[in-house]
Amino acid sequence: MPNTSSAYDFEHFAPKTAESAGAPSRESRKKAQEQNVTQLTEAELRRSQRRGAHTVRTVLSLAAVLSVVLTIGAVVFGQVQLTELTEQIHEAEQALSEEKSLSVQLDMQANSNLNTDQIAAYARDQLGMEKITESQTTYISLSQGDSGTVLQENGGTGFFAAIWNAILSVFS
């Protein structure tokens, strides 16, 4: 097997001159460029010169990108507000539960302090009150009864009574 390792051949790494590299001369490059020219028709020429199509496409692309960015921004903003409102609701629920607990404690404390025997003792000792007795009751009798008197006589009869009386007078 022959040793064909070209990795150790330092001639490959040496700078190449135009003649040694086989580079085409200036004349041959010009010929190649002239042969490389493509002939365009009038329609193709106008289409290639038209810049407005690229501008419209660019504006539409920018509008699409802007709408996507705005939509993402709106979603993120909505999520931030949703998170803040959720935290506020949680804090309000926690405060409500603390207030309910305090209310239950105060109700229990008030119920333990308001015993009917304790209230009666407070009224008797501190306020000087007594329970009602028979001597404190006074009865009033109305033996004459109630009577009503008419203060003003009704001088005339009503409209329908007058019509009725007129009908009765015709038949009598």
Protein backbone atom coordinates (compact mmCIF):
# COMPACT_ATOMS: atom_id res chain seq x y z
CA MET A 1 0.00 0.00 0.00
CA PRO A 2 1.62 3.20 -1.13
CA ASN A 3 1.90 6.11 1.27
CA THR A 4 -0.44 8.71 -0.24
CA SER A 5 -0.76 10.88 2.78
CA SER A 6 -0.93 14.38 1.41
CA ALA A 7 -1.43 15.93 4.85
CA TYR A 8 2.35 16.03 5.27
CA ASP A 9 2.97 17.47 1.85
CA PHE A 10 3.82 21.10 2.60
CA GLU A 11 3.58 22.13 -1.02
CA HIS A 12 -0.17 22.17 -0.69
CA PHE A 13 0.12 24.90 1.93
CA ALA A 14 2.48 27.13 -0.02
CA PRO A 15 1.01 30.31 -1.55
CA LYS A 16 0.00 29.80 -5.14
CA THR A 17 0.84 32.19 -7.89
CA ALA A 18 -1.53 33.00 -10.72
CA GLU A 19 0.48 30.94 -13.18
CA SER A 20 0.94 27.95 -10.92
CA ALA A 21 -2.68 27.89 -9.74
CA GLY A 22 -3.93 27.78 -13.27
CA ALA A 23 -5.94 30.96 -12.80
CA PRO A 24 -7.52 32.29 -15.95
CA SER A 25 -5.95 35.30 -17.49
CA ARG A 26 -7.65 38.66 -17.70
CA GLU A 27 -8.70 38.14 -21.28
CA SER A 28 -10.24 34.78 -20.62
CA ARG A 29 -12.20 36.24 -17.67
CA LYS A 30 -13.64 39.01 -19.89
CA LYS A 31 -14.70 36.44 -22.47
CA ALA A 32 -16.40 34.37 -19.80
CA GLN A 33 -18.28 37.43 -18.53
CA GLU A 34 -19.47 38.32 -22.02
CA GLN A 35 -20.73 34.80 -22.57
CA ASN A 36 -22.45 34.89 -19.16
CA VAL A 37 -24.79 37.78 -20.12
CA THR A 38 -28.46 36.91 -20.23
CA GLN A 39 -30.83 38.67 -22.60
CA LEU A 40 -34.11 39.86 -20.95
CA THR A 41 -37.34 40.76 -22.66
CA GLU A 42 -39.03 44.11 -21.98
CA ALA A 43 -41.54 42.60 -19.51
CA GLU A 44 -38.81 40.79 -17.60
CA LEU A 45 -36.72 43.95 -17.57
CA ARG A 46 -39.61 46.03 -16.13
CA ARG A 47 -40.38 43.35 -13.58
CA SER A 48 -36.79 43.22 -12.38
CA GLN A 49 -36.63 47.03 -12.15
CA ARG A 50 -39.85 47.31 -10.17
CA ARG A 51 -38.94 48.16 -6.56
CA GLY A 52 -42.48 48.70 -5.26
CA ALA A 53 -43.21 45.00 -4.98
CA HIS A 54 -40.36 44.54 -2.57
CA THR A 55 -41.40 47.63 -0.61
CA VAL A 56 -44.99 46.42 -0.26
CA ARG A 57 -43.78 42.98 0.74
CA THR A 58 -41.45 44.55 3.31
CA VAL A 59 -44.21 46.74 4.74
CA LEU A 60 -46.59 43.78 4.95
CA SER A 61 -43.91 41.70 6.63
CA LEU A 62 -43.22 44.44 9.15
CA ALA A 63 -46.97 44.81 9.81
CA ALA A 64 -47.29 41.07 10.40
CA VAL A 65 -44.31 41.03 12.75
CA LEU A 66 -45.64 44.08 14.58
CA SER A 67 -49.08 42.48 14.99
CA VAL A 68 -47.50 39.29 16.37
CA VAL A 69 -45.38 41.30 18.82
CA LEU A 70 -48.39 43.35 19.93
CA THR A 71 -50.48 40.22 20.39
CA ILE A 72 -47.77 38.60 22.49
CA GLY A 73 -47.42 41.81 24.49
CA ALA A 74 -51.18 41.93 25.10
CA VAL A 75 -51.20 38.31 26.27
CA VAL A 76 -48.27 38.92 28.62
CA PHE A 77 -49.89 42.10 29.97
CA GLY A 78 -53.16 40.22 30.54
CA GLN A 79 -51.37 37.44 32.37
CA VAL A 80 -49.57 39.95 34.60
CA GLN A 81 -52.84 41.64 35.50
CA LEU A 82 -54.50 38.27 36.08
CA THR A 83 -51.70 37.30 38.45
CA GLU A 84 -51.97 40.59 40.35
CA LEU A 85 -55.74 40.26 40.69
CA THR A 86 -55.40 36.67 41.85
CA GLU A 87 -52.97 37.79 44.54
CA GLN A 88 -55.37 40.55 45.64
CA ILE A 89 -58.25 38.06 45.82
CA HIS A 90 -56.12 35.68 47.88
CA GLU A 91 -55.19 38.50 50.29
CA ALA A 92 -58.84 39.58 50.59
CA GLU A 93 -59.96 35.99 51.26
CA GLN A 94 -57.27 35.63 53.91
CA ALA A 95 -58.35 38.90 55.57
CA LEU A 96 -61.99 37.76 55.43
CA SER A 97 -61.17 34.47 57.14
CA GLU A 98 -59.24 36.32 59.86
CA GLU A 99 -62.17 38.68 60.41
CA LYS A 100 -64.62 35.76 60.59
CA SER A 101 -62.39 34.09 63.17
CA LEU A 102 -62.28 37.30 65.20
CA SER A 103 -66.07 37.64 64.93
CA VAL A 104 -66.57 34.10 66.25
CA GLN A 105 -64.19 34.79 69.15
CA LEU A 106 -66.00 38.02 70.07
CA ASP A 107 -69.43 36.34 69.82
CA MET A 108 -68.30 33.56 72.14
CA GLN A 109 -66.86 36.09 74.56
CA ALA A 110 -70.05 38.16 74.51
CA ASN A 111 -72.23 35.08 75.03
CA SER A 112 -70.15 34.01 77.99
CA ASN A 113 -70.49 37.47 79.57
CA LEU A 114 -74.25 37.83 78.93
CA ASN A 115 -75.88 35.30 81.22
CA THR A 116 -79.45 36.18 82.37
CA ASP A 117 -78.53 35.66 86.00
CA GLN A 118 -75.56 38.01 85.63
CA ILE A 119 -77.74 40.61 83.92
CA ALA A 120 -80.34 40.42 86.71
CA ALA A 121 -77.61 40.75 89.36
CA TYR A 122 -76.11 43.77 87.56
CA ALA A 123 -79.52 45.45 87.29
CA ARG A 124 -80.30 44.84 90.98
CA ASP A 125 -76.86 45.70 92.40
CA GLN A 126 -75.53 48.42 90.12
CA LEU A 127 -78.68 50.08 88.80
CA GLY A 128 -80.97 49.61 91.83
CA MET A 129 -83.73 47.95 89.85
CA GLU A 130 -86.25 45.48 91.26
CA LYS A 131 -88.55 42.93 89.77
CA ILE A 132 -92.14 44.09 89.34
CA THR A 133 -94.49 43.45 92.26
CA GLU A 134 -98.29 43.63 92.72
CA SER A 135 -98.02 46.95 94.50
CA GLN A 136 -96.50 48.58 91.45
CA THR A 137 -99.52 47.72 89.26
CA THR A 138 -102.41 50.20 88.87
CA TYR A 139 -105.66 49.21 87.16
CA ILE A 140 -107.92 51.69 85.36
CA SER A 141 -111.61 50.95 84.82
CA LEU A 142 -113.71 52.34 82.00
CA SER A 143 -117.26 51.63 83.14
CA GLN A 144 -118.89 54.52 81.28
CA GLY A 145 -118.08 52.99 77.92
CA ASP A 146 -117.20 54.68 74.72
CA SER A 147 -119.65 56.76 72.77
CA GLY A 148 -119.44 58.70 69.56
CA THR A 149 -121.29 61.88 68.58
CA VAL A 150 -121.89 63.36 65.13
CA LEU A 151 -120.64 66.90 64.99
CA GLN A 152 -121.80 67.88 61.51
CA GLU A 153 -125.03 66.88 59.81
CA ASN A 154 -124.95 65.91 56.17
CA GLY A 155 -127.20 68.52 54.57
CA GLY A 156 -127.60 67.10 51.10
CA THR A 157 -128.04 63.77 49.51
CA GLY A 158 -125.61 62.32 47.06
CA PHE A 159 -125.87 62.56 43.28
CA PHE A 160 -127.04 58.98 42.80
CA ALA A 161 -129.53 59.29 45.65
CA ALA A 162 -131.02 62.34 43.92
CA ILE A 163 -131.38 60.40 40.65
CA TRP A 164 -132.99 57.51 42.47
CA ASN A 165 -135.44 59.79 44.23
CA ALA A 166 -136.33 61.36 40.86
CA ILE A 167 -137.04 57.95 39.36
CA LEU A 168 -139.18 56.99 42.35
CA SER A 169 -141.17 60.22 42.14
CA VAL A 170 -142.04 59.50 38.49
CA PHE A 171 -143.55 56.14 39.35
CA SER A 172 -145.47 57.28 42.40
